[in-house]
Amino acid sequence: MPITAILTDIEGTTSAVSFVFDVLFPFAAQHMPGYVRAHAAEPAVAAQLDAVRQASGEPGADVERVIAILLGWLAEDRKATPLKALQGMVWAQGYNAGLLKGHVYPDAVEALTRWHAQGLPLYVYSSGSVQAQKLIFGCSQAGDLTPLFNGYFDTTSGGKREAQSYRTISAAMGVAAGQVLFLSDVVEELDAARAAGMQTVGLVREGGELGDHCCVETFAGINP
């Protein structure tokens, strides 16, 4: 079937994994405690803190205990939605202050810009929150790339290794799964997308292979 939309992962695909683990995560770990203490009473933050309490089975946890839970989750890289939401808030401060600039590979910038100009709808699906996704692309080293994208999806649509998540996303996009090309550097994600009916291409920027999926080293090798 012809490809009429592209859905892309971020970490290891459009952007270096090292940017997330060596820049974003340490920034969040350093600034999360102060941010939570300063904003705990604000409704948007308070809602996420309550979600942490429920997810951890500690409904009576005070703010300091919630901070400790969050830092533990961060160290584990747990795909917890309230953690991702709060990380996004902390990163927003960093981006807005000019302390952070999102990394996007030049080959990804070129291809995404070209596909957008050709009228191909582009979407993002990452374990990071939608807010964090918009910050990486909106405050990137290449400038504001958010006009290139039609929509963003995170773990509120389901886990990235679950086929149902990709069915949910294709329905939200209004595009038949068979006409969506999904890009990722994780074989389990590619497997799940294919199980949902999507076409797939794996990014192996340092060589190798991802199961039996078609693989390329850069976006220059993708011809939708």
N, C-alpha and C. Protein backbone atom coordinates (compact mmCIF):
# COMPACT_ATOMS: atom_id res chain seq x y z
N MET A 1 0.84 -1.20 0.00
CA MET A 1 0.00 0.00 0.00
C MET A 1 0.88 1.25 0.00
N PRO A 2 0.45 2.31 -0.64
CA PRO A 2 1.25 3.53 -0.65
C PRO A 2 1.30 4.15 0.75
N ILE A 3 2.42 4.74 1.09
CA ILE A 3 2.57 5.40 2.38
C ILE A 3 1.99 6.81 2.29
N THR A 4 1.05 7.11 3.19
CA THR A 4 0.42 8.43 3.19
C THR A 4 0.68 9.20 4.48
N ALA A 5 1.42 8.62 5.42
CA ALA A 5 1.79 9.32 6.66
C ALA A 5 2.99 8.62 7.27
N ILE A 6 3.79 9.39 8.00
CA ILE A 6 4.97 8.85 8.67
C ILE A 6 4.85 9.11 10.17
N LEU A 7 5.14 8.07 10.96
CA LEU A 7 5.14 8.14 12.41
C LEU A 7 6.56 7.83 12.88
N THR A 8 7.18 8.73 13.61
CA THR A 8 8.57 8.51 13.99
C THR A 8 8.79 8.54 15.50
N ASP A 9 9.69 7.68 15.93
CA ASP A 9 10.23 7.70 17.29
C ASP A 9 11.23 8.86 17.37
N ILE A 10 11.68 9.18 18.58
CA ILE A 10 12.68 10.24 18.76
C ILE A 10 14.05 9.66 19.12
N GLU A 11 14.16 9.08 20.34
CA GLU A 11 15.45 8.61 20.85
C GLU A 11 16.07 7.57 19.91
N GLY A 12 17.26 7.84 19.42
CA GLY A 12 17.95 6.91 18.56
C GLY A 12 17.48 6.93 17.13
N THR A 13 16.44 7.71 16.86
CA THR A 13 15.85 7.76 15.52
C THR A 13 16.05 9.14 14.91
N THR A 14 15.32 10.13 15.42
CA THR A 14 15.56 11.50 14.95
C THR A 14 16.66 12.17 15.76
N SER A 15 16.88 11.66 16.96
CA SER A 15 17.77 12.34 17.91
C SER A 15 18.67 11.34 18.62
N ALA A 16 19.83 11.81 19.05
CA ALA A 16 20.80 10.94 19.71
C ALA A 16 20.29 10.48 21.07
N VAL A 17 20.45 9.20 21.34
CA VAL A 17 20.09 8.67 22.66
C VAL A 17 20.91 9.38 23.73
N SER A 18 22.16 9.70 23.40
CA SER A 18 23.04 10.35 24.38
C SER A 18 22.49 11.70 24.83
N PHE A 19 21.75 12.40 23.96
CA PHE A 19 21.17 13.68 24.36
C PHE A 19 20.18 13.48 25.49
N VAL A 20 19.39 12.42 25.39
CA VAL A 20 18.39 12.14 26.42
C VAL A 20 19.06 11.71 27.72
N PHE A 21 20.01 10.76 27.62
CA PHE A 21 20.60 10.18 28.84
C PHE A 21 21.71 11.03 29.44
N ASP A 22 22.43 11.78 28.60
CA ASP A 22 23.56 12.55 29.11
C ASP A 22 23.23 14.01 29.36
N VAL A 23 22.11 14.50 28.79
CA VAL A 23 21.75 15.90 28.96
C VAL A 23 20.40 16.05 29.66
N LEU A 24 19.34 15.50 29.05
CA LEU A 24 18.00 15.73 29.59
C LEU A 24 17.78 15.07 30.96
N PHE A 25 18.14 13.78 31.08
CA PHE A 25 17.89 13.10 32.35
C PHE A 25 18.67 13.73 33.51
N PRO A 26 19.98 14.02 33.33
CA PRO A 26 20.69 14.68 34.44
C PRO A 26 20.10 16.05 34.79
N PHE A 27 19.65 16.78 33.77
CA PHE A 27 19.03 18.08 34.03
C PHE A 27 17.77 17.91 34.87
N ALA A 28 16.96 16.91 34.52
CA ALA A 28 15.73 16.66 35.28
C ALA A 28 16.05 16.23 36.71
N ALA A 29 17.05 15.37 36.87
CA ALA A 29 17.40 14.89 38.21
C ALA A 29 17.88 16.05 39.08
N GLN A 30 18.62 16.98 38.47
CA GLN A 30 19.15 18.10 39.23
C GLN A 30 18.06 19.09 39.62
N HIS A 31 17.12 19.33 38.70
CA HIS A 31 16.15 20.40 38.91
C HIS A 31 14.76 19.93 39.39
N MET A 32 14.48 18.63 39.30
CA MET A 32 13.17 18.13 39.69
C MET A 32 12.81 18.45 41.14
N PRO A 33 13.69 18.18 42.12
CA PRO A 33 13.30 18.44 43.51
C PRO A 33 12.89 19.89 43.75
N GLY A 34 13.69 20.83 43.28
CA GLY A 34 13.37 22.24 43.49
C GLY A 34 12.10 22.65 42.77
N TYR A 35 11.91 22.11 41.57
CA TYR A 35 10.72 22.46 40.80
C TYR A 35 9.47 21.96 41.51
N VAL A 36 9.48 20.72 41.98
CA VAL A 36 8.31 20.16 42.65
C VAL A 36 8.00 20.93 43.94
N ARG A 37 9.03 21.23 44.71
CA ARG A 37 8.80 21.98 45.96
C ARG A 37 8.19 23.34 45.67
N ALA A 38 8.66 23.99 44.61
CA ALA A 38 8.19 25.35 44.30
C ALA A 38 6.79 25.38 43.70
N HIS A 39 6.40 24.29 43.02
CA HIS A 39 5.14 24.31 42.27
C HIS A 39 4.12 23.26 42.73
N ALA A 40 4.37 22.60 43.86
CA ALA A 40 3.52 21.49 44.30
C ALA A 40 2.06 21.87 44.46
N ALA A 41 1.79 23.11 44.78
CA ALA A 41 0.41 23.53 45.02
C ALA A 41 -0.33 23.89 43.75
N GLU A 42 0.38 24.00 42.63
CA GLU A 42 -0.27 24.35 41.36
C GLU A 42 -1.05 23.15 40.84
N PRO A 43 -2.25 23.37 40.34
CA PRO A 43 -3.12 22.25 39.94
C PRO A 43 -2.47 21.25 38.98
N ALA A 44 -1.77 21.72 37.97
CA ALA A 44 -1.18 20.81 36.98
C ALA A 44 -0.12 19.93 37.61
N VAL A 45 0.68 20.51 38.51
CA VAL A 45 1.72 19.73 39.19
C VAL A 45 1.11 18.83 40.25
N ALA A 46 0.17 19.37 41.02
CA ALA A 46 -0.48 18.59 42.08
C ALA A 46 -1.14 17.33 41.51
N ALA A 47 -1.73 17.44 40.33
CA ALA A 47 -2.39 16.29 39.71
C ALA A 47 -1.38 15.19 39.40
N GLN A 48 -0.20 15.59 38.94
CA GLN A 48 0.83 14.60 38.64
C GLN A 48 1.41 13.98 39.91
N LEU A 49 1.53 14.77 40.95
CA LEU A 49 2.02 14.24 42.23
C LEU A 49 1.04 13.22 42.79
N ASP A 50 -0.25 13.50 42.65
CA ASP A 50 -1.26 12.54 43.09
C ASP A 50 -1.18 11.25 42.25
N ALA A 51 -0.90 11.40 40.98
CA ALA A 51 -0.76 10.23 40.11
C ALA A 51 0.44 9.38 40.53
N VAL A 52 1.51 10.04 40.97
CA VAL A 52 2.68 9.31 41.49
C VAL A 52 2.29 8.53 42.74
N ARG A 53 1.55 9.17 43.63
CA ARG A 53 1.13 8.50 44.86
C ARG A 53 0.30 7.26 44.56
N GLN A 54 -0.62 7.38 43.62
CA GLN A 54 -1.47 6.25 43.27
C GLN A 54 -0.68 5.14 42.60
N ALA A 55 0.20 5.51 41.68
CA ALA A 55 0.97 4.51 40.94
C ALA A 55 1.95 3.76 41.85
N SER A 56 2.43 4.45 42.89
CA SER A 56 3.41 3.83 43.79
C SER A 56 2.75 3.11 44.96
N GLY A 57 1.42 3.24 45.06
CA GLY A 57 0.72 2.60 46.18
C GLY A 57 0.97 3.30 47.50
N GLU A 58 1.32 4.59 47.44
CA GLU A 58 1.56 5.37 48.66
C GLU A 58 0.69 6.63 48.64
N PRO A 59 -0.62 6.48 48.81
CA PRO A 59 -1.53 7.62 48.71
C PRO A 59 -1.28 8.72 49.74
N GLY A 60 -0.60 8.40 50.82
CA GLY A 60 -0.35 9.40 51.86
C GLY A 60 1.03 10.01 51.81
N ALA A 61 1.78 9.73 50.76
CA ALA A 61 3.16 10.23 50.67
C ALA A 61 3.20 11.76 50.64
N ASP A 62 4.12 12.34 51.43
CA ASP A 62 4.27 13.79 51.40
C ASP A 62 5.13 14.18 50.21
N VAL A 63 5.33 15.47 50.02
CA VAL A 63 6.04 15.95 48.84
C VAL A 63 7.46 15.41 48.77
N GLU A 64 8.15 15.37 49.90
CA GLU A 64 9.53 14.87 49.88
C GLU A 64 9.58 13.40 49.50
N ARG A 65 8.61 12.62 49.95
CA ARG A 65 8.58 11.21 49.58
C ARG A 65 8.27 11.05 48.10
N VAL A 66 7.38 11.88 47.58
CA VAL A 66 7.05 11.82 46.15
C VAL A 66 8.28 12.18 45.32
N ILE A 67 9.05 13.16 45.78
CA ILE A 67 10.28 13.52 45.08
C ILE A 67 11.24 12.33 45.05
N ALA A 68 11.36 11.64 46.17
CA ALA A 68 12.25 10.47 46.23
C ALA A 68 11.79 9.39 45.26
N ILE A 69 10.47 9.18 45.18
CA ILE A 69 9.93 8.19 44.24
C ILE A 69 10.25 8.60 42.81
N LEU A 70 10.05 9.87 42.50
CA LEU A 70 10.31 10.36 41.15
C LEU A 70 11.78 10.19 40.77
N LEU A 71 12.68 10.50 41.67
CA LEU A 71 14.11 10.36 41.38
C LEU A 71 14.48 8.89 41.19
N GLY A 72 13.82 8.00 41.93
CA GLY A 72 14.06 6.58 41.74
C GLY A 72 13.58 6.11 40.39
N TRP A 73 12.41 6.57 40.00
CA TRP A 73 11.87 6.23 38.68
C TRP A 73 12.76 6.78 37.58
N LEU A 74 13.25 8.00 37.78
CA LEU A 74 14.10 8.61 36.77
C LEU A 74 15.38 7.79 36.59
N ALA A 75 15.96 7.34 37.70
CA ALA A 75 17.18 6.53 37.63
C ALA A 75 16.94 5.22 36.91
N GLU A 76 15.72 4.69 37.03
CA GLU A 76 15.35 3.42 36.37
C GLU A 76 14.91 3.63 34.93
N ASP A 77 14.73 4.91 34.52
CA ASP A 77 14.12 5.24 33.22
C ASP A 77 12.77 4.57 33.09
N ARG A 78 11.99 4.66 34.17
CA ARG A 78 10.66 4.06 34.15
C ARG A 78 9.73 4.85 33.25
N LYS A 79 8.94 4.13 32.43
CA LYS A 79 8.03 4.79 31.50
C LYS A 79 6.71 5.11 32.21
N ALA A 80 6.80 5.94 33.24
CA ALA A 80 5.64 6.31 34.04
C ALA A 80 5.11 7.66 33.55
N THR A 81 3.84 7.71 33.22
CA THR A 81 3.27 8.93 32.64
C THR A 81 3.43 10.16 33.53
N PRO A 82 3.18 10.08 34.86
CA PRO A 82 3.36 11.29 35.67
C PRO A 82 4.82 11.75 35.72
N LEU A 83 5.76 10.81 35.71
CA LEU A 83 7.17 11.19 35.67
C LEU A 83 7.47 11.93 34.38
N LYS A 84 6.99 11.40 33.27
CA LYS A 84 7.25 12.03 31.97
C LYS A 84 6.64 13.43 31.92
N ALA A 85 5.44 13.57 32.50
CA ALA A 85 4.79 14.87 32.50
C ALA A 85 5.60 15.89 33.30
N LEU A 86 6.07 15.48 34.48
CA LEU A 86 6.84 16.39 35.32
C LEU A 86 8.21 16.69 34.71
N GLN A 87 8.82 15.68 34.09
CA GLN A 87 10.07 15.93 33.38
C GLN A 87 9.87 17.02 32.33
N GLY A 88 8.75 16.90 31.61
CA GLY A 88 8.47 17.89 30.57
C GLY A 88 8.37 19.29 31.13
N MET A 89 7.76 19.42 32.30
CA MET A 89 7.64 20.73 32.93
C MET A 89 9.01 21.29 33.32
N VAL A 90 9.86 20.42 33.87
CA VAL A 90 11.21 20.85 34.27
C VAL A 90 12.02 21.24 33.03
N TRP A 91 11.92 20.41 32.00
CA TRP A 91 12.67 20.71 30.77
C TRP A 91 12.18 22.00 30.12
N ALA A 92 10.87 22.26 30.22
CA ALA A 92 10.33 23.49 29.63
C ALA A 92 11.02 24.71 30.22
N GLN A 93 11.24 24.69 31.52
CA GLN A 93 11.96 25.79 32.15
C GLN A 93 13.36 25.92 31.58
N GLY A 94 14.02 24.76 31.41
CA GLY A 94 15.38 24.77 30.88
C GLY A 94 15.45 25.27 29.46
N TYR A 95 14.53 24.82 28.61
CA TYR A 95 14.51 25.28 27.22
C TYR A 95 14.19 26.78 27.16
N ASN A 96 13.19 27.19 27.93
CA ASN A 96 12.79 28.60 27.89
C ASN A 96 13.88 29.53 28.40
N ALA A 97 14.73 29.00 29.30
CA ALA A 97 15.83 29.80 29.84
C ALA A 97 17.07 29.73 28.94
N GLY A 98 16.98 28.94 27.87
CA GLY A 98 18.12 28.80 26.97
C GLY A 98 19.19 27.86 27.48
N LEU A 99 18.87 27.09 28.53
CA LEU A 99 19.85 26.15 29.09
C LEU A 99 19.88 24.84 28.33
N LEU A 100 18.85 24.56 27.54
CA LEU A 100 18.75 23.33 26.76
C LEU A 100 18.44 23.66 25.31
N LYS A 101 19.03 22.87 24.40
CA LYS A 101 18.72 22.93 22.98
C LYS A 101 18.52 21.49 22.50
N GLY A 102 17.38 21.21 21.86
CA GLY A 102 17.08 19.86 21.44
C GLY A 102 18.00 19.37 20.32
N HIS A 103 18.46 18.14 20.44
CA HIS A 103 19.30 17.55 19.39
C HIS A 103 18.44 16.82 18.38
N VAL A 104 18.60 17.14 17.10
CA VAL A 104 17.96 16.42 16.01
C VAL A 104 19.02 16.24 14.93
N TYR A 105 19.20 15.00 14.48
CA TYR A 105 20.22 14.73 13.47
C TYR A 105 19.96 15.56 12.21
N PRO A 106 21.01 16.12 11.60
CA PRO A 106 20.83 16.90 10.36
C PRO A 106 20.12 16.12 9.26
N ASP A 107 20.39 14.81 9.13
CA ASP A 107 19.73 14.03 8.09
C ASP A 107 18.23 13.91 8.36
N ALA A 108 17.86 13.88 9.65
CA ALA A 108 16.44 13.83 10.00
C ALA A 108 15.78 15.17 9.69
N VAL A 109 16.46 16.27 10.02
CA VAL A 109 15.92 17.60 9.71
C VAL A 109 15.67 17.73 8.21
N GLU A 110 16.64 17.32 7.41
CA GLU A 110 16.52 17.45 5.95
C GLU A 110 15.36 16.63 5.42
N ALA A 111 15.27 15.37 5.85
CA ALA A 111 14.22 14.48 5.34
C ALA A 111 12.84 14.93 5.81
N LEU A 112 12.71 15.27 7.08
CA LEU A 112 11.42 15.70 7.61
C LEU A 112 10.95 16.97 6.91
N THR A 113 11.86 17.89 6.67
CA THR A 113 11.52 19.13 5.98
C THR A 113 11.06 18.84 4.55
N ARG A 114 11.77 17.94 3.89
CA ARG A 114 11.42 17.60 2.50
C ARG A 114 10.07 16.89 2.44
N TRP A 115 9.84 15.93 3.33
CA TRP A 115 8.56 15.20 3.33
C TRP A 115 7.40 16.15 3.61
N HIS A 116 7.61 17.07 4.55
CA HIS A 116 6.56 18.04 4.86
C HIS A 116 6.25 18.89 3.63
N ALA A 117 7.29 19.32 2.93
CA ALA A 117 7.10 20.14 1.73
C ALA A 117 6.36 19.38 0.64
N GLN A 118 6.51 18.05 0.66
CA GLN A 118 5.83 17.20 -0.32
C GLN A 118 4.39 16.91 0.08
N GLY A 119 3.99 17.39 1.25
CA GLY A 119 2.62 17.21 1.71
C GLY A 119 2.38 15.92 2.46
N LEU A 120 3.45 15.25 2.91
CA LEU A 120 3.31 13.99 3.65
C LEU A 120 3.10 14.30 5.13
N PRO A 121 1.98 13.92 5.72
CA PRO A 121 1.74 14.19 7.14
C PRO A 121 2.76 13.46 8.03
N LEU A 122 3.29 14.16 9.01
CA LEU A 122 4.31 13.62 9.90
C LEU A 122 3.81 13.65 11.34
N TYR A 123 4.07 12.55 12.05
CA TYR A 123 3.65 12.43 13.45
C TYR A 123 4.80 11.87 14.29
N VAL A 124 4.73 12.13 15.59
CA VAL A 124 5.75 11.65 16.53
C VAL A 124 5.10 10.73 17.55
N TYR A 125 5.80 9.63 17.89
CA TYR A 125 5.35 8.75 18.97
C TYR A 125 6.57 8.42 19.82
N SER A 126 6.59 8.92 21.05
CA SER A 126 7.73 8.72 21.93
C SER A 126 7.24 8.42 23.34
N SER A 127 8.10 7.77 24.13
CA SER A 127 7.74 7.52 25.53
C SER A 127 7.81 8.80 26.34
N GLY A 128 8.54 9.80 25.83
CA GLY A 128 8.53 11.11 26.47
C GLY A 128 7.18 11.78 26.25
N SER A 129 6.79 12.66 27.16
CA SER A 129 5.49 13.31 27.05
C SER A 129 5.40 14.15 25.78
N VAL A 130 4.17 14.43 25.36
CA VAL A 130 3.96 15.29 24.20
C VAL A 130 4.65 16.64 24.41
N GLN A 131 4.56 17.15 25.62
CA GLN A 131 5.22 18.43 25.92
C GLN A 131 6.72 18.33 25.68
N ALA A 132 7.34 17.24 26.15
CA ALA A 132 8.78 17.06 25.96
C ALA A 132 9.13 16.92 24.49
N GLN A 133 8.27 16.23 23.73
CA GLN A 133 8.50 16.08 22.30
C GLN A 133 8.51 17.44 21.60
N LYS A 134 7.52 18.27 21.94
CA LYS A 134 7.41 19.59 21.32
C LYS A 134 8.61 20.47 21.69
N LEU A 135 9.15 20.27 22.89
CA LEU A 135 10.31 21.06 23.31
C LEU A 135 11.56 20.67 22.53
N ILE A 136 11.77 19.35 22.34
CA ILE A 136 12.95 18.91 21.60
C ILE A 136 12.94 19.48 20.19
N PHE A 137 11.78 19.41 19.53
CA PHE A 137 11.69 19.90 18.16
C PHE A 137 11.51 21.42 18.09
N GLY A 138 10.81 21.97 19.06
CA GLY A 138 10.54 23.40 19.02
C GLY A 138 11.74 24.25 19.41
N CYS A 139 12.60 23.72 20.27
CA CYS A 139 13.81 24.44 20.71
C CYS A 139 15.05 23.68 20.27
N SER A 140 15.04 23.20 19.06
CA SER A 140 16.15 22.38 18.57
C SER A 140 17.32 23.24 18.11
N GLN A 141 18.46 22.59 17.95
CA GLN A 141 19.65 23.28 17.45
C GLN A 141 19.42 23.78 16.02
N ALA A 142 18.44 23.20 15.33
CA ALA A 142 18.13 23.61 13.95
C ALA A 142 16.98 24.61 13.90
N GLY A 143 16.54 25.07 15.06
CA GLY A 143 15.43 26.01 15.11
C GLY A 143 14.12 25.33 15.45
N ASP A 144 13.01 26.01 15.22
CA ASP A 144 11.68 25.48 15.55
C ASP A 144 11.21 24.55 14.44
N LEU A 145 11.16 23.25 14.74
CA LEU A 145 10.74 22.26 13.75
C LEU A 145 9.29 21.82 13.94
N THR A 146 8.60 22.37 14.94
CA THR A 146 7.24 21.90 15.21
C THR A 146 6.26 22.12 14.06
N PRO A 147 6.45 23.14 13.18
CA PRO A 147 5.51 23.29 12.06
C PRO A 147 5.54 22.10 11.09
N LEU A 148 6.55 21.25 11.20
CA LEU A 148 6.64 20.11 10.29
C LEU A 148 5.65 19.01 10.66
N PHE A 149 5.18 18.99 11.92
CA PHE A 149 4.42 17.85 12.42
C PHE A 149 2.92 18.12 12.52
N ASN A 150 2.16 17.08 12.22
CA ASN A 150 0.70 17.15 12.31
C ASN A 150 0.17 16.73 13.67
N GLY A 151 0.97 15.98 14.45
CA GLY A 151 0.50 15.54 15.75
C GLY A 151 1.56 14.77 16.51
N TYR A 152 1.29 14.58 17.80
CA TYR A 152 2.24 13.93 18.71
C TYR A 152 1.50 12.91 19.57
N PHE A 153 2.18 11.79 19.88
CA PHE A 153 1.60 10.75 20.72
C PHE A 153 2.62 10.30 21.74
N ASP A 154 2.13 10.01 22.97
CA ASP A 154 3.01 9.51 24.02
C ASP A 154 2.39 8.29 24.67
N THR A 155 2.81 7.96 25.88
CA THR A 155 2.34 6.72 26.52
C THR A 155 0.87 6.78 26.93
N THR A 156 0.24 7.94 26.82
CA THR A 156 -1.21 7.97 27.06
C THR A 156 -1.95 7.21 25.96
N SER A 157 -1.27 6.93 24.85
CA SER A 157 -1.86 6.11 23.78
C SER A 157 -1.54 4.63 23.95
N GLY A 158 -0.75 4.31 24.99
CA GLY A 158 -0.36 2.92 25.24
C GLY A 158 1.13 2.74 25.14
N GLY A 159 1.61 1.57 25.59
CA GLY A 159 3.03 1.25 25.55
C GLY A 159 3.55 1.10 24.14
N LYS A 160 4.81 1.46 23.94
CA LYS A 160 5.37 1.45 22.59
C LYS A 160 5.65 0.05 22.06
N ARG A 161 5.59 -0.94 22.92
CA ARG A 161 5.84 -2.32 22.49
C ARG A 161 4.55 -3.13 22.39
N GLU A 162 3.42 -2.42 22.38
CA GLU A 162 2.11 -3.07 22.32
C GLU A 162 1.42 -2.72 20.99
N ALA A 163 1.01 -3.73 20.26
CA ALA A 163 0.40 -3.51 18.94
C ALA A 163 -0.84 -2.62 19.02
N GLN A 164 -1.62 -2.76 20.09
CA GLN A 164 -2.85 -1.97 20.21
C GLN A 164 -2.56 -0.47 20.21
N SER A 165 -1.41 -0.07 20.74
CA SER A 165 -1.06 1.34 20.77
C SER A 165 -1.01 1.91 19.35
N TYR A 166 -0.47 1.14 18.44
CA TYR A 166 -0.32 1.61 17.06
C TYR A 166 -1.67 1.61 16.33
N ARG A 167 -2.55 0.69 16.71
CA ARG A 167 -3.90 0.72 16.15
C ARG A 167 -4.63 1.98 16.64
N THR A 168 -4.46 2.29 17.93
CA THR A 168 -5.07 3.48 18.50
C THR A 168 -4.57 4.74 17.81
N ILE A 169 -3.27 4.78 17.55
CA ILE A 169 -2.67 5.95 16.93
C ILE A 169 -3.12 6.10 15.48
N SER A 170 -3.14 5.01 14.73
CA SER A 170 -3.57 5.11 13.32
C SER A 170 -5.01 5.58 13.24
N ALA A 171 -5.84 5.14 14.19
CA ALA A 171 -7.24 5.60 14.21
C ALA A 171 -7.30 7.09 14.52
N ALA A 172 -6.48 7.55 15.47
CA ALA A 172 -6.46 8.97 15.81
C ALA A 172 -5.95 9.82 14.65
N MET A 173 -5.02 9.26 13.88
CA MET A 173 -4.49 9.95 12.72
C MET A 173 -5.50 9.98 11.58
N GLY A 174 -6.42 9.03 11.59
CA GLY A 174 -7.37 8.92 10.50
C GLY A 174 -6.74 8.34 9.24
N VAL A 175 -5.71 7.51 9.45
CA VAL A 175 -4.99 6.89 8.33
C VAL A 175 -4.96 5.39 8.56
N ALA A 176 -5.25 4.61 7.53
CA ALA A 176 -5.20 3.16 7.64
C ALA A 176 -3.80 2.74 8.05
N ALA A 177 -3.70 1.78 8.98
CA ALA A 177 -2.39 1.36 9.49
C ALA A 177 -1.44 0.96 8.37
N GLY A 178 -1.97 0.31 7.35
CA GLY A 178 -1.13 -0.15 6.25
C GLY A 178 -0.51 0.96 5.43
N GLN A 179 -1.00 2.18 5.62
CA GLN A 179 -0.47 3.33 4.87
C GLN A 179 0.43 4.21 5.74
N VAL A 180 0.74 3.73 6.95
CA VAL A 180 1.62 4.46 7.86
C VAL A 180 2.99 3.81 7.88
N LEU A 181 4.04 4.61 7.76
CA LEU A 181 5.41 4.13 7.90
C LEU A 181 5.91 4.53 9.28
N PHE A 182 6.30 3.53 10.09
CA PHE A 182 6.80 3.79 11.43
C PHE A 182 8.31 3.64 11.45
N LEU A 183 8.99 4.62 12.06
CA LEU A 183 10.45 4.63 12.14
C LEU A 183 10.89 4.51 13.60
N SER A 184 11.81 3.59 13.88
CA SER A 184 12.29 3.41 15.24
C SER A 184 13.63 2.69 15.23
N ASP A 185 14.32 2.75 16.37
CA ASP A 185 15.58 2.02 16.52
C ASP A 185 15.44 0.83 17.47
N VAL A 186 14.20 0.49 17.82
CA VAL A 186 13.94 -0.59 18.78
C VAL A 186 13.12 -1.69 18.10
N VAL A 187 13.65 -2.90 18.07
CA VAL A 187 13.00 -3.98 17.32
C VAL A 187 11.63 -4.32 17.87
N GLU A 188 11.46 -4.27 19.21
CA GLU A 188 10.16 -4.60 19.79
C GLU A 188 9.09 -3.58 19.38
N GLU A 189 9.47 -2.33 19.22
CA GLU A 189 8.53 -1.32 18.76
C GLU A 189 8.16 -1.55 17.30
N LEU A 190 9.16 -1.86 16.49
CA LEU A 190 8.92 -2.15 15.08
C LEU A 190 8.02 -3.38 14.93
N ASP A 191 8.26 -4.39 15.76
CA ASP A 191 7.43 -5.61 15.72
C ASP A 191 5.98 -5.27 16.05
N ALA A 192 5.79 -4.44 17.09
CA ALA A 192 4.43 -4.09 17.51
C ALA A 192 3.71 -3.29 16.43
N ALA A 193 4.43 -2.35 15.81
CA ALA A 193 3.83 -1.54 14.75
C ALA A 193 3.44 -2.42 13.57
N ARG A 194 4.31 -3.35 13.22
CA ARG A 194 4.01 -4.23 12.09
C ARG A 194 2.83 -5.15 12.42
N ALA A 195 2.76 -5.60 13.67
CA ALA A 195 1.63 -6.44 14.08
C ALA A 195 0.31 -5.69 13.96
N ALA A 196 0.38 -4.35 14.10
CA ALA A 196 -0.83 -3.53 13.95
C ALA A 196 -1.13 -3.22 12.49
N GLY A 197 -0.22 -3.64 11.60
CA GLY A 197 -0.45 -3.44 10.17
C GLY A 197 0.38 -2.36 9.52
N MET A 198 1.21 -1.66 10.31
CA MET A 198 2.01 -0.57 9.75
C MET A 198 3.22 -1.10 8.99
N GLN A 199 3.72 -0.28 8.08
CA GLN A 199 5.00 -0.55 7.43
C GLN A 199 6.10 -0.01 8.34
N THR A 200 7.30 -0.58 8.27
CA THR A 200 8.35 -0.21 9.22
C THR A 200 9.71 -0.05 8.55
N VAL A 201 10.50 0.82 9.13
CA VAL A 201 11.93 0.95 8.78
C VAL A 201 12.68 1.18 10.08
N GLY A 202 13.75 0.41 10.28
CA GLY A 202 14.56 0.55 11.49
C GLY A 202 15.77 1.44 11.24
N LEU A 203 16.09 2.27 12.22
CA LEU A 203 17.28 3.12 12.15
C LEU A 203 18.40 2.46 12.93
N VAL A 204 19.50 2.16 12.25
CA VAL A 204 20.67 1.56 12.89
C VAL A 204 21.85 2.47 12.59
N ARG A 205 21.95 3.54 13.33
CA ARG A 205 22.91 4.59 13.03
C ARG A 205 24.36 4.14 13.19
N GLU A 206 24.58 3.07 13.93
CA GLU A 206 25.94 2.54 14.07
C GLU A 206 26.04 1.16 13.44
N GLY A 207 25.16 0.90 12.47
CA GLY A 207 25.17 -0.39 11.78
C GLY A 207 24.40 -1.45 12.55
N GLY A 208 24.29 -2.63 11.96
CA GLY A 208 23.58 -3.73 12.60
C GLY A 208 22.25 -3.99 11.93
N GLU A 209 21.39 -4.67 12.65
CA GLU A 209 20.07 -4.99 12.11
C GLU A 209 19.06 -5.06 13.23
N LEU A 210 17.80 -4.96 12.85
CA LEU A 210 16.69 -5.01 13.80
C LEU A 210 15.72 -6.08 13.33
N GLY A 211 16.02 -7.32 13.69
CA GLY A 211 15.19 -8.42 13.24
C GLY A 211 15.17 -8.50 11.73
N ASP A 212 13.98 -8.71 11.17
CA ASP A 212 13.86 -8.80 9.71
C ASP A 212 13.25 -7.53 9.12
N HIS A 213 13.33 -6.44 9.86
CA HIS A 213 12.81 -5.17 9.35
C HIS A 213 13.83 -4.54 8.40
N CYS A 214 13.34 -3.80 7.41
CA CYS A 214 14.21 -3.03 6.54
C CYS A 214 14.94 -2.01 7.42
N CYS A 215 16.27 -1.88 7.26
CA CYS A 215 17.04 -0.98 8.12
C CYS A 215 17.90 -0.02 7.29
N VAL A 216 18.07 1.18 7.81
CA VAL A 216 18.92 2.20 7.20
C VAL A 216 19.76 2.84 8.30
N GLU A 217 20.86 3.47 7.90
CA GLU A 217 21.72 4.13 8.87
C GLU A 217 21.34 5.58 9.10
N THR A 218 20.70 6.20 8.11
CA THR A 218 20.26 7.59 8.25
C THR A 218 18.94 7.78 7.52
N PHE A 219 18.31 8.91 7.73
CA PHE A 219 17.05 9.22 7.07
C PHE A 219 17.22 9.33 5.55
N ALA A 220 18.46 9.56 5.10
CA ALA A 220 18.70 9.69 3.66
C ALA A 220 18.37 8.39 2.92
N GLY A 221 18.37 7.29 3.66
CA GLY A 221 18.07 5.99 3.02
C GLY A 221 16.61 5.64 3.00
N ILE A 222 15.74 6.54 3.45
CA ILE A 222 14.30 6.27 3.51
C ILE A 222 13.62 6.98 2.34
N ASN A 223 12.89 6.21 1.56
CA ASN A 223 12.17 6.77 0.40
C ASN A 223 10.70 6.35 0.45
N PRO A 224 9.89 7.10 1.19
CA PRO A 224 8.47 6.70 1.35
C PRO A 224 7.68 6.88 0.06
